[in-house]
PDB file of all heavy atoms in Angstrom:
ATOM      1  N   ARG A   1       0.769  -1.232   0.052  1.00  0.00           N
ATOM      2  CA  ARG A   1       0.038   0.017  -0.012  1.00  0.00           C
ATOM      3  C   ARG A   1       0.880   1.278  -0.058  1.00  0.00           C
ATOM      4  O   ARG A   1       0.593   2.198  -0.731  1.00  0.00           O
ATOM      5  CB  ARG A   1      -0.922   0.022   1.123  1.00  0.00           C
ATOM      6  CG  ARG A   1      -2.029  -1.099   1.135  1.00  0.00           C
ATOM      7  CD  ARG A   1      -2.935  -1.066   2.412  1.00  0.00           C
ATOM      8  NE  ARG A   1      -3.485   0.236   2.602  1.00  0.00           N
ATOM      9  CZ  ARG A   1      -4.582   0.714   2.067  1.00  0.00           C
ATOM     10  NH1 ARG A   1      -5.236   0.031   1.050  1.00  0.00           N
ATOM     11  NH2 ARG A   1      -5.066   2.033   2.367  1.00  0.00           N
ATOM     12  N   ALA A   2       1.878   1.353   0.774  1.00  0.00           N
ATOM     13  CA  ALA A   2       2.746   2.452   0.985  1.00  0.00           C
ATOM     14  C   ALA A   2       3.581   2.717  -0.350  1.00  0.00           C
ATOM     15  O   ALA A   2       3.676   3.880  -0.860  1.00  0.00           O
ATOM     16  CB  ALA A   2       3.752   2.374   2.052  1.00  0.00           C
ATOM     17  N   ALA A   3       3.952   1.632  -1.026  1.00  0.00           N
ATOM     18  CA  ALA A   3       4.774   1.845  -2.284  1.00  0.00           C
ATOM     19  C   ALA A   3       3.896   2.308  -3.485  1.00  0.00           C
ATOM     20  O   ALA A   3       4.373   3.226  -4.266  1.00  0.00           O
ATOM     21  CB  ALA A   3       5.204   0.445  -2.811  1.00  0.00           C
ATOM     22  N   ARG A   4       2.721   2.054  -3.436  1.00  0.00           N
ATOM     23  CA  ARG A   4       1.791   2.667  -4.449  1.00  0.00           C
ATOM     24  C   ARG A   4       1.594   4.146  -4.268  1.00  0.00           C
ATOM     25  O   ARG A   4       1.685   4.850  -5.258  1.00  0.00           O
ATOM     26  CB  ARG A   4       0.352   2.069  -4.424  1.00  0.00           C
ATOM     27  CG  ARG A   4       0.304   0.548  -5.150  1.00  0.00           C
ATOM     28  CD  ARG A   4      -1.054  -0.045  -5.233  1.00  0.00           C
ATOM     29  NE  ARG A   4      -0.961  -1.314  -5.809  1.00  0.00           N
ATOM     30  CZ  ARG A   4      -1.237  -1.598  -7.114  1.00  0.00           C
ATOM     31  NH1 ARG A   4      -1.637  -0.726  -7.900  1.00  0.00           N
ATOM     32  NH2 ARG A   4      -1.295  -2.885  -7.573  1.00  0.00           N
ATOM     33  N   TYR A   5       1.385   4.536  -2.992  1.00  0.00           N
ATOM     34  CA  TYR A   5       1.460   5.974  -2.675  1.00  0.00           C
ATOM     35  C   TYR A   5       2.643   6.647  -3.099  1.00  0.00           C
ATOM     36  O   TYR A   5       2.744   7.700  -3.681  1.00  0.00           O
ATOM     37  CB  TYR A   5       1.009   6.292  -1.278  1.00  0.00           C
ATOM     38  CG  TYR A   5      -0.420   6.061  -0.958  1.00  0.00           C
ATOM     39  CD1 TYR A   5      -0.879   5.023  -0.157  1.00  0.00           C
ATOM     40  CD2 TYR A   5      -1.385   6.969  -1.528  1.00  0.00           C
ATOM     41  CE1 TYR A   5      -2.239   5.049   0.214  1.00  0.00           C
ATOM     42  CE2 TYR A   5      -2.669   6.878  -1.275  1.00  0.00           C
ATOM     43  CZ  TYR A   5      -3.116   5.834  -0.503  1.00  0.00           C
ATOM     44  OH  TYR A   5      -4.482   5.744  -0.142  1.00  0.00           O
ATOM     45  N   PHE A   6       3.782   6.015  -2.681  1.00  0.00           N
ATOM     46  CA  PHE A   6       5.109   6.700  -2.949  1.00  0.00           C
ATOM     47  C   PHE A   6       5.395   6.639  -4.487  1.00  0.00           C
ATOM     48  O   PHE A   6       5.827   7.712  -5.024  1.00  0.00           O
ATOM     49  CB  PHE A   6       6.157   5.622  -2.336  1.00  0.00           C
ATOM     50  CG  PHE A   6       7.542   6.263  -2.451  1.00  0.00           C
ATOM     51  CD1 PHE A   6       8.022   7.400  -1.609  1.00  0.00           C
ATOM     52  CD2 PHE A   6       8.539   5.710  -3.308  1.00  0.00           C
ATOM     53  CE1 PHE A   6       9.252   7.931  -1.844  1.00  0.00           C
ATOM     54  CE2 PHE A   6       9.775   6.196  -3.428  1.00  0.00           C
ATOM     55  CZ  PHE A   6      10.157   7.311  -2.610  1.00  0.00           C
ATOM     56  N   GLY A   7       4.880   5.770  -5.216  1.00  0.00           N
ATOM     57  CA  GLY A   7       5.148   5.636  -6.700  1.00  0.00           C
ATOM     58  C   GLY A   7       4.243   6.748  -7.289  1.00  0.00           C
ATOM     59  O   GLY A   7       4.624   7.408  -8.293  1.00  0.00           O
ATOM     60  N   ALA A   8       3.076   7.074  -6.776  1.00  0.00           N
ATOM     61  CA  ALA A   8       2.290   8.163  -7.263  1.00  0.00           C
ATOM     62  C   ALA A   8       2.652   9.609  -6.747  1.00  0.00           C
ATOM     63  O   ALA A   8       2.005  10.598  -7.100  1.00  0.00           O
ATOM     64  CB  ALA A   8       0.868   7.947  -6.822  1.00  0.00           C
ATOM     65  N   GLY A   9       3.854   9.621  -6.065  1.00  0.00           N
ATOM     66  CA  GLY A   9       4.284  11.036  -5.468  1.00  0.00           C
ATOM     67  C   GLY A   9       3.686  11.466  -4.342  1.00  0.00           C
ATOM     68  O   GLY A   9       3.980  12.618  -3.894  1.00  0.00           O
ATOM     69  N   ASP A  10       3.050  10.621  -3.515  1.00  0.00           N
ATOM     70  CA  ASP A  10       2.404  10.984  -2.259  1.00  0.00           C
ATOM     71  C   ASP A  10       3.028  10.280  -1.024  1.00  0.00           C
ATOM     72  O   ASP A  10       2.595   9.396  -0.519  1.00  0.00           O
ATOM     73  CB  ASP A  10       0.986  10.720  -2.255  1.00  0.00           C
ATOM     74  CG  ASP A  10       0.178  11.427  -1.076  1.00  0.00           C
ATOM     75  OD1 ASP A  10       0.809  11.959  -0.227  1.00  0.00           O
ATOM     76  OD2 ASP A  10      -1.141  11.265  -1.071  1.00  0.00           O
ATOM     77  N   ARG A  11       4.346  10.813  -0.614  1.00  0.00           N
ATOM     78  CA  ARG A  11       5.021  10.187   0.374  1.00  0.00           C
ATOM     79  C   ARG A  11       4.311  10.326   1.798  1.00  0.00           C
ATOM     80  O   ARG A  11       4.342   9.488   2.559  1.00  0.00           O
ATOM     81  CB  ARG A  11       6.469  10.866   0.580  1.00  0.00           C
ATOM     82  CG  ARG A  11       7.354  10.056   1.593  1.00  0.00           C
ATOM     83  CD  ARG A  11       8.693  10.702   1.806  1.00  0.00           C
ATOM     84  NE  ARG A  11       9.612   9.982   2.554  1.00  0.00           N
ATOM     85  CZ  ARG A  11       9.591   9.881   3.877  1.00  0.00           C
ATOM     86  NH1 ARG A  11       8.669  10.656   4.566  1.00  0.00           N
ATOM     87  NH2 ARG A  11      10.519   9.194   4.473  1.00  0.00           N
ATOM     88  N   ALA A  12       3.610  11.403   2.063  1.00  0.00           N
ATOM     89  CA  ALA A  12       3.049  11.562   3.375  1.00  0.00           C
ATOM     90  C   ALA A  12       1.871  10.545   3.429  1.00  0.00           C
ATOM     91  O   ALA A  12       1.723   9.851   4.566  1.00  0.00           O
ATOM     92  CB  ALA A  12       2.301  13.018   3.451  1.00  0.00           C
ATOM     93  N   SER A  13       1.167  10.123   2.562  1.00  0.00           N
ATOM     94  CA  SER A  13       0.157   9.106   2.570  1.00  0.00           C
ATOM     95  C   SER A  13       0.783   7.755   2.814  1.00  0.00           C
ATOM     96  O   SER A  13       0.304   6.876   3.477  1.00  0.00           O
ATOM     97  CB  SER A  13      -0.729   8.955   1.251  1.00  0.00           C
ATOM     98  OG  SER A  13      -1.539  10.283   1.298  1.00  0.00           O
ATOM     99  N   ALA A  14       1.963   7.596   2.165  1.00  0.00           N
ATOM    100  CA  ALA A  14       2.651   6.378   2.335  1.00  0.00           C
ATOM    101  C   ALA A  14       3.158   6.081   3.942  1.00  0.00           C
ATOM    102  O   ALA A  14       2.983   5.113   4.363  1.00  0.00           O
ATOM    103  CB  ALA A  14       4.001   6.236   1.512  1.00  0.00           C
ATOM    104  N   VAL A  15       3.616   7.224   4.394  1.00  0.00           N
ATOM    105  CA  VAL A  15       4.035   7.195   5.926  1.00  0.00           C
ATOM    106  C   VAL A  15       2.880   7.023   6.669  1.00  0.00           C
ATOM    107  O   VAL A  15       2.869   6.205   7.757  1.00  0.00           O
ATOM    108  CB  VAL A  15       4.752   8.508   6.287  1.00  0.00           C
ATOM    109  CG1 VAL A  15       5.064   8.420   7.790  1.00  0.00           C
ATOM    110  CG2 VAL A  15       6.025   8.595   5.527  1.00  0.00           C
ATOM    111  N   ARG A  16       1.600   7.616   6.409  1.00  0.00           N
ATOM    112  CA  ARG A  16       0.444   7.445   7.163  1.00  0.00           C
ATOM    113  C   ARG A  16       0.001   5.880   7.167  1.00  0.00           C
ATOM    114  O   ARG A  16      -0.603   5.434   8.190  1.00  0.00           O
ATOM    115  CB  ARG A  16      -0.734   8.281   6.623  1.00  0.00           C
ATOM    116  CG  ARG A  16      -0.481   9.699   7.164  1.00  0.00           C
ATOM    117  CD  ARG A  16      -1.824  10.473   6.942  1.00  0.00           C
ATOM    118  NE  ARG A  16      -2.014  10.803   5.450  1.00  0.00           N
ATOM    119  CZ  ARG A  16      -1.559  11.838   4.804  1.00  0.00           C
ATOM    120  NH1 ARG A  16      -0.946  12.756   5.475  1.00  0.00           N
ATOM    121  NH2 ARG A  16      -1.906  12.046   3.625  1.00  0.00           N
ATOM    122  N   GLU A  17       0.333   5.236   6.160  1.00  0.00           N
ATOM    123  CA  GLU A  17       0.016   3.765   6.172  1.00  0.00           C
ATOM    124  C   GLU A  17       0.836   3.127   7.271  1.00  0.00           C
ATOM    125  O   GLU A  17       0.451   2.086   7.932  1.00  0.00           O
ATOM    126  CB  GLU A  17       0.457   3.091   4.813  1.00  0.00           C
ATOM    127  CG  GLU A  17      -0.458   3.470   3.620  1.00  0.00           C
ATOM    128  CD  GLU A  17      -1.807   2.938   3.887  1.00  0.00           C
ATOM    129  OE1 GLU A  17      -2.010   1.829   4.359  1.00  0.00           O
ATOM    130  OE2 GLU A  17      -2.771   3.587   3.186  1.00  0.00           O
ATOM    131  N   GLY A  18       2.047   3.586   7.403  1.00  0.00           N
ATOM    132  CA  GLY A  18       2.841   3.076   8.557  1.00  0.00           C
ATOM    133  C   GLY A  18       2.427   3.379   9.987  1.00  0.00           C
ATOM    134  O   GLY A  18       2.442   2.520  10.818  1.00  0.00           O
ATOM    135  N   VAL A  19       1.851   4.571  10.086  1.00  0.00           N
ATOM    136  CA  VAL A  19       1.230   5.014  11.461  1.00  0.00           C
ATOM    137  C   VAL A  19       0.043   4.043  11.775  1.00  0.00           C
ATOM    138  O   VAL A  19      -0.098   3.506  12.808  1.00  0.00           O
ATOM    139  CB  VAL A  19       0.740   6.362  11.358  1.00  0.00           C
ATOM    140  CG1 VAL A  19      -0.102   6.694  12.550  1.00  0.00           C
ATOM    141  CG2 VAL A  19       1.860   7.395  11.196  1.00  0.00           C
ATOM    142  N   GLN A  20      -0.913   3.809  10.813  1.00  0.00           N
ATOM    143  CA  GLN A  20      -2.018   2.936  11.114  1.00  0.00           C
ATOM    144  C   GLN A  20      -1.559   1.508  11.288  1.00  0.00           C
ATOM    145  O   GLN A  20      -2.052   0.806  12.195  1.00  0.00           O
ATOM    146  CB  GLN A  20      -2.977   3.056   9.967  1.00  0.00           C
ATOM    147  CG  GLN A  20      -3.439   4.484   9.575  1.00  0.00           C
ATOM    148  CD  GLN A  20      -3.911   5.222  10.803  1.00  0.00           C
ATOM    149  OE1 GLN A  20      -4.778   4.596  11.647  1.00  0.00           O
ATOM    150  NE2 GLN A  20      -3.426   6.471  11.021  1.00  0.00           N
ATOM    151  N   ALA A  21      -0.650   1.074  10.418  1.00  0.00           N
ATOM    152  CA  ALA A  21      -0.011  -0.353  10.706  1.00  0.00           C
ATOM    153  C   ALA A  21       0.584  -0.412  12.149  1.00  0.00           C
ATOM    154  O   ALA A  21       0.373  -1.566  12.734  1.00  0.00           O
ATOM    155  CB  ALA A  21       1.034  -0.733   9.707  1.00  0.00           C
ATOM    156  N   SER A  22       1.186   0.663  12.594  1.00  0.00           N
ATOM    157  CA  SER A  22       1.750   0.605  14.044  1.00  0.00           C
ATOM    158  C   SER A  22       0.632   0.537  15.110  1.00  0.00           C
ATOM    159  O   SER A  22       0.905  -0.151  16.057  1.00  0.00           O
ATOM    160  CB  SER A  22       2.703   1.765  14.058  1.00  0.00           C
ATOM    161  OG  SER A  22       3.815   1.645  13.325  1.00  0.00           O
ATOM    162  N   TRP A  23      -0.470   1.322  14.839  1.00  0.00           N
ATOM    163  CA  TRP A  23      -1.560   1.137  15.827  1.00  0.00           C
ATOM    164  C   TRP A  23      -2.075  -0.362  15.842  1.00  0.00           C
ATOM    165  O   TRP A  23      -2.306  -0.870  16.942  1.00  0.00           O
ATOM    166  CB  TRP A  23      -2.675   2.030  15.380  1.00  0.00           C
ATOM    167  CG  TRP A  23      -2.538   3.558  15.788  1.00  0.00           C
ATOM    168  CD1 TRP A  23      -2.231   4.570  15.028  1.00  0.00           C
ATOM    169  CD2 TRP A  23      -2.532   3.896  17.132  1.00  0.00           C
ATOM    170  NE1 TRP A  23      -2.201   5.758  15.747  1.00  0.00           N
ATOM    171  CE2 TRP A  23      -2.300   5.319  17.186  1.00  0.00           C
ATOM    172  CE3 TRP A  23      -2.767   3.374  18.373  1.00  0.00           C
ATOM    173  CZ2 TRP A  23      -2.277   6.238  18.276  1.00  0.00           C
ATOM    174  CZ3 TRP A  23      -2.602   4.151  19.630  1.00  0.00           C
ATOM    175  CH2 TRP A  23      -2.358   5.567  19.423  1.00  0.00           C
ATOM    176  N   LEU A  24      -2.185  -0.987  14.639  1.00  0.00           N
ATOM    177  CA  LEU A  24      -2.578  -2.385  14.658  1.00  0.00           C
ATOM    178  C   LEU A  24      -1.600  -3.144  15.381  1.00  0.00           C
ATOM    179  O   LEU A  24      -2.019  -4.128  16.037  1.00  0.00           O
ATOM    180  CB  LEU A  24      -2.792  -2.842  13.197  1.00  0.00           C
ATOM    181  CG  LEU A  24      -3.981  -2.366  12.432  1.00  0.00           C
ATOM    182  CD1 LEU A  24      -3.859  -2.898  10.966  1.00  0.00           C
ATOM    183  CD2 LEU A  24      -5.266  -3.015  13.068  1.00  0.00           C
ATOM    184  N   ALA A  25      -0.348  -2.944  15.150  1.00  0.00           N
ATOM    185  CA  ALA A  25       0.652  -3.808  15.703  1.00  0.00           C
ATOM    186  C   ALA A  25       0.677  -3.841  17.228  1.00  0.00           C
ATOM    187  O   ALA A  25       0.718  -4.828  17.839  1.00  0.00           O
ATOM    188  CB  ALA A  25       2.080  -3.193  15.240  1.00  0.00           C
ATOM    189  N   VAL A  26       0.474  -2.561  17.805  1.00  0.00           N
ATOM    190  CA  VAL A  26       0.451  -2.613  19.264  1.00  0.00           C
ATOM    191  C   VAL A  26      -0.749  -3.238  19.741  1.00  0.00           C
ATOM    192  O   VAL A  26      -0.776  -4.135  20.820  1.00  0.00           O
ATOM    193  CB  VAL A  26       0.418  -1.102  19.721  1.00  0.00           C
ATOM    194  CG1 VAL A  26       0.206  -0.928  21.228  1.00  0.00           C
ATOM    195  CG2 VAL A  26       1.763  -0.494  19.422  1.00  0.00           C
ATOM    196  N   GLY A  27      -1.964  -3.009  19.221  1.00  0.00           N
ATOM    197  CA  GLY A  27      -3.211  -3.628  19.708  1.00  0.00           C
ATOM    198  C   GLY A  27      -3.188  -5.158  19.572  1.00  0.00           C
ATOM    199  O   GLY A  27      -3.510  -5.948  20.437  1.00  0.00           O
ATOM    200  N   LEU A  28      -2.726  -5.523  18.402  1.00  0.00           N
ATOM    201  CA  LEU A  28      -2.696  -7.024  18.177  1.00  0.00           C
ATOM    202  C   LEU A  28      -1.614  -7.742  19.019  1.00  0.00           C
ATOM    203  O   LEU A  28      -1.818  -8.805  19.491  1.00  0.00           O
ATOM    204  CB  LEU A  28      -2.514  -7.319  16.717  1.00  0.00           C
ATOM    205  CG  LEU A  28      -3.543  -6.942  15.787  1.00  0.00           C
ATOM    206  CD1 LEU A  28      -3.138  -7.210  14.270  1.00  0.00           C
ATOM    207  CD2 LEU A  28      -4.763  -7.818  15.961  1.00  0.00           C
ATOM    208  N   GLY A  29      -0.468  -7.079  19.302  1.00  0.00           N
ATOM    209  CA  GLY A  29       0.514  -7.567  20.172  1.00  0.00           C
ATOM    210  C   GLY A  29       0.146  -7.858  21.621  1.00  0.00           C
ATOM    211  O   GLY A  29       0.464  -8.889  22.205  1.00  0.00           O
ATOM    212  N   VAL A  30      -0.657  -6.972  22.058  1.00  0.00           N
ATOM    213  CA  VAL A  30      -1.225  -7.052  23.451  1.00  0.00           C
ATOM    214  C   VAL A  30      -2.188  -8.276  23.588  1.00  0.00           C
ATOM    215  O   VAL A  30      -2.034  -9.008  24.448  1.00  0.00           O
ATOM    216  CB  VAL A  30      -1.817  -5.636  23.919  1.00  0.00           C
ATOM    217  CG1 VAL A  30      -2.591  -5.980  25.245  1.00  0.00           C
ATOM    218  CG2 VAL A  30      -0.824  -4.643  24.043  1.00  0.00           C
ATOM    219  N   VAL A  31      -2.983  -8.210  22.558  1.00  0.00           N
ATOM    220  CA  VAL A  31      -4.023  -9.343  22.497  1.00  0.00           C
ATOM    221  C   VAL A  31      -3.178 -10.760  22.502  1.00  0.00           C
ATOM    222  O   VAL A  31      -3.565 -11.730  23.161  1.00  0.00           O
ATOM    223  CB  VAL A  31      -4.957  -9.244  21.265  1.00  0.00           C
ATOM    224  CG1 VAL A  31      -5.723 -10.529  21.112  1.00  0.00           C
ATOM    225  CG2 VAL A  31      -5.833  -8.055  21.414  1.00  0.00           C
ATOM    226  N   PHE A  32      -2.159 -10.807  21.595  1.00  0.00           N
ATOM    227  CA  PHE A  32      -1.460 -12.031  21.516  1.00  0.00           C
ATOM    228  C   PHE A  32      -0.783 -12.485  22.738  1.00  0.00           C
ATOM    229  O   PHE A  32      -0.830 -13.690  23.274  1.00  0.00           O
ATOM    230  CB  PHE A  32      -0.438 -11.989  20.452  1.00  0.00           C
ATOM    231  CG  PHE A  32       0.355 -13.178  20.118  1.00  0.00           C
ATOM    232  CD1 PHE A  32      -0.040 -14.050  19.188  1.00  0.00           C
ATOM    233  CD2 PHE A  32       1.591 -13.560  20.628  1.00  0.00           C
ATOM    234  CE1 PHE A  32       0.533 -15.271  18.834  1.00  0.00           C
ATOM    235  CE2 PHE A  32       2.205 -14.754  20.389  1.00  0.00           C
ATOM    236  CZ  PHE A  32       1.686 -15.561  19.491  1.00  0.00           C
ATOM    237  N   VAL A  33      -0.171 -11.473  23.585  1.00  0.00           N
ATOM    238  CA  VAL A  33       0.448 -11.739  24.815  1.00  0.00           C
ATOM    239  C   VAL A  33      -0.568 -12.306  25.876  1.00  0.00           C
ATOM    240  O   VAL A  33      -0.406 -13.335  26.401  1.00  0.00           O
ATOM    241  CB  VAL A  33       1.045 -10.526  25.444  1.00  0.00           C
ATOM    242  CG1 VAL A  33       1.507 -10.696  26.888  1.00  0.00           C
ATOM    243  CG2 VAL A  33       2.218 -10.099  24.636  1.00  0.00           C
ATOM    244  N   VAL A  34      -1.799 -11.799  25.957  1.00  0.00           N
ATOM    245  CA  VAL A  34      -2.856 -12.173  27.008  1.00  0.00           C
ATOM    246  C   VAL A  34      -3.300 -13.693  26.533  1.00  0.00           C
ATOM    247  O   VAL A  34      -3.437 -14.461  27.264  1.00  0.00           O
ATOM    248  CB  VAL A  34      -4.033 -11.161  26.790  1.00  0.00           C
ATOM    249  CG1 VAL A  34      -5.184 -11.771  27.635  1.00  0.00           C
ATOM    250  CG2 VAL A  34      -3.618  -9.771  27.342  1.00  0.00           C
ATOM    251  N   VAL A  35      -3.596 -13.826  25.305  1.00  0.00           N
ATOM    252  CA  VAL A  35      -4.083 -15.087  24.733  1.00  0.00           C
ATOM    253  C   VAL A  35      -2.996 -16.327  25.015  1.00  0.00           C
ATOM    254  O   VAL A  35      -3.269 -17.385  25.648  1.00  0.00           O
ATOM    255  CB  VAL A  35      -4.366 -15.082  23.365  1.00  0.00           C
ATOM    256  CG1 VAL A  35      -4.718 -16.658  22.799  1.00  0.00           C
ATOM    257  CG2 VAL A  35      -5.646 -14.302  23.124  1.00  0.00           C
ATOM    258  N   VAL A  36      -1.789 -16.073  24.688  1.00  0.00           N
ATOM    259  CA  VAL A  36      -0.724 -16.992  24.853  1.00  0.00           C
ATOM    260  C   VAL A  36      -0.507 -17.338  26.348  1.00  0.00           C
ATOM    261  O   VAL A  36      -0.226 -18.508  26.757  1.00  0.00           O
ATOM    262  CB  VAL A  36       0.575 -16.633  24.115  1.00  0.00           C
ATOM    263  CG1 VAL A  36       1.687 -17.648  24.467  1.00  0.00           C
ATOM    264  CG2 VAL A  36       0.349 -16.761  22.631  1.00  0.00           C
ATOM    265  N   GLN A  37      -0.378 -16.300  27.100  1.00  0.00           N
ATOM    266  CA  GLN A  37      -0.232 -16.477  28.561  1.00  0.00           C
ATOM    267  C   GLN A  37      -1.279 -17.294  29.150  1.00  0.00           C
ATOM    268  O   GLN A  37      -1.159 -18.189  30.081  1.00  0.00           O
ATOM    269  CB  GLN A  37       0.020 -15.122  29.334  1.00  0.00           C
ATOM    270  CG  GLN A  37       1.288 -14.413  28.995  1.00  0.00           C
ATOM    271  CD  GLN A  37       2.559 -15.173  29.553  1.00  0.00           C
ATOM    272  OE1 GLN A  37       2.391 -15.976  30.082  1.00  0.00           O
ATOM    273  NE2 GLN A  37       3.646 -14.242  29.440  1.00  0.00           N
ATOM    274  N   ALA A  38      -2.486 -17.028  28.705  1.00  0.00           N
ATOM    275  CA  ALA A  38      -3.614 -17.745  29.322  1.00  0.00           C
ATOM    276  C   ALA A  38      -3.737 -19.200  28.935  1.00  0.00           C
ATOM    277  O   ALA A  38      -4.087 -20.087  29.613  1.00  0.00           O
ATOM    278  CB  ALA A  38      -4.927 -17.005  28.946  1.00  0.00           C
ATOM    279  N   ALA A  39      -3.271 -19.397  27.661  1.00  0.00           N
ATOM    280  CA  ALA A  39      -3.477 -20.828  27.059  1.00  0.00           C
ATOM    281  C   ALA A  39      -2.110 -21.523  26.900  1.00  0.00           C
ATOM    282  O   ALA A  39      -2.095 -22.530  26.247  1.00  0.00           O
ATOM    283  CB  ALA A  39      -4.052 -20.711  25.736  1.00  0.00           C
ATOM    284  N   ALA A  40      -0.985 -21.011  27.589  1.00  0.00           N
ATOM    285  CA  ALA A  40       0.256 -21.517  27.425  1.00  0.00           C
ATOM    286  C   ALA A  40       0.458 -22.952  27.756  1.00  0.00           C
ATOM    287  O   ALA A  40       0.980 -23.781  26.898  1.00  0.00           O
ATOM    288  CB  ALA A  40       1.200 -20.786  28.299  1.00  0.00           C
ATOM    289  N   VAL A  41      -0.223 -23.490  28.845  1.00  0.00           N
ATOM    290  CA  VAL A  41      -0.181 -24.808  29.219  1.00  0.00           C
ATOM    291  C   VAL A  41      -0.697 -25.961  28.350  1.00  0.00           C
ATOM    292  O   VAL A  41       0.013 -26.815  27.689  1.00  0.00           O
ATOM    293  CB  VAL A  41      -0.627 -25.105  30.682  1.00  0.00           C
ATOM    294  CG1 VAL A  41      -0.551 -26.604  31.064  1.00  0.00           C
ATOM    295  CG2 VAL A  41       0.335 -24.299  31.697  1.00  0.00           C
TER     296      VAL A  41
END
């Protein structure tokens, strides 16, 4: 997604893809920790 924006000359939109992906990363990472700790055994 970011590469298409970059190729079209819109670097700011490409970086914003990274911002939104990072929000997803934090949220999904916390969920993964909780689930694995609960179901580890």
